[in-house]
Amino acid sequence: MQEVFLGDIIRQRRLALHMTQEQLCEGICEQVTISRLENGTQTPSRGRIKAILQRLGLPDERFYALVSRKEERIKNLQDEIQMDGVRFERAGDGERMQISARMLEDLAELERITEPEDNLTRQFILRERAHVDSSLSTKDRLKLQMEAIRLTVPHFDLDKIDTFLYSRDELVLINKIAVTYSRMGQKGKAVEMNTQLLRYIDDHYKSMRDYGGAFCMVSCSLSIELALSDRYNEAAAVAERGWRICVEYGHYQYLPSLIAVLAECQYKLGNRQKSAELYLQAYYMYKAINDDHNREIIRREMKERLDLEPPY
């Protein structure tokens, strides 16, 4: 009964969105798999079910499935790699090398046990390798990221991002592509990509548990890119909304960066007292989460711009 109910919900939502089975499953699984799922005769893997539900804008947290030992190993490896990815971003240069080596080793094991037709896991591998492999040039990173997104969205178009349907992992990947364009000096492209992503999240993710995390992630990136483009009023507006969503949905990991953007914007707009207040908030939030790398950046900016040192 659970399988039939799930298939009914997927069919109803797909038809409401005027989607064919081929459009829904593109890059995730075969069309026959969707057909069998809707008929209640087959249940795909947990990862594929999650991606399908997210593309449809449906909550995925209530679906539970028994998985094989291999699927569980894949999931555990992905969790370990993602946690190391967070540590990688906060680490100093020496520690980063150790974390990078560990992540690349885990990615190699993940690649060994992943089936050729498992596009979702293959996409994850390409995305994380582009993130952490220091031997890659920026152009090589972009090439890997574009190869990754086109595994599951074959017709992906940078100028029409909000016309497709995405899972949360696909949103993360597109956000990383925007960051890469920014590092290549194409900040206007990064702003446009994240603007489209934010619009997509507002349109498709409002009913989902992942809305807050997705919105905060993209608003953080967009506000940074707007500030780097000297569009301080726009950057402040995006950062303020991101701040509200972070608090409302409990995604505090993005909050220090959003507050730091606001501090810079207030300084550039001539509001030194407000800027100082915001810089101190960002500094102590980074201190609280042991992010010494970003805390030092904030300390230097306070000193250079406001001649201000934190009391402790």
Foldseek 3Di string as FASTA:
>chain_A
DVQQVLLCVLVVLCVVVVHDLCQLCALADDSVQNVCSNVSNDDDDLVSSQWSCQLSLHASPPDDDDDDPLVVLLVVLLVVLVVLLVVLVLDDPVVNVVSLVVNVVSLVVSVVSDDPSRLVSVLSSLLSCLSRVPVDDLVRSLVSLVVSLCSRVVPDDLQPNLVGGGGLVSLVSLLVNLVSCVVVVNLVSSLNSLVSQLVNLVVRHPVYLCSLVSLLSSLLSNLVSCVVVVVLVVSLVSLVVNCVSCVVSVVCVSNLSSLLSNLSSCLVVPNPVSSVVSLQVSLVVCVVVVSVVVNVVSQVCCCVRVVDHDPD
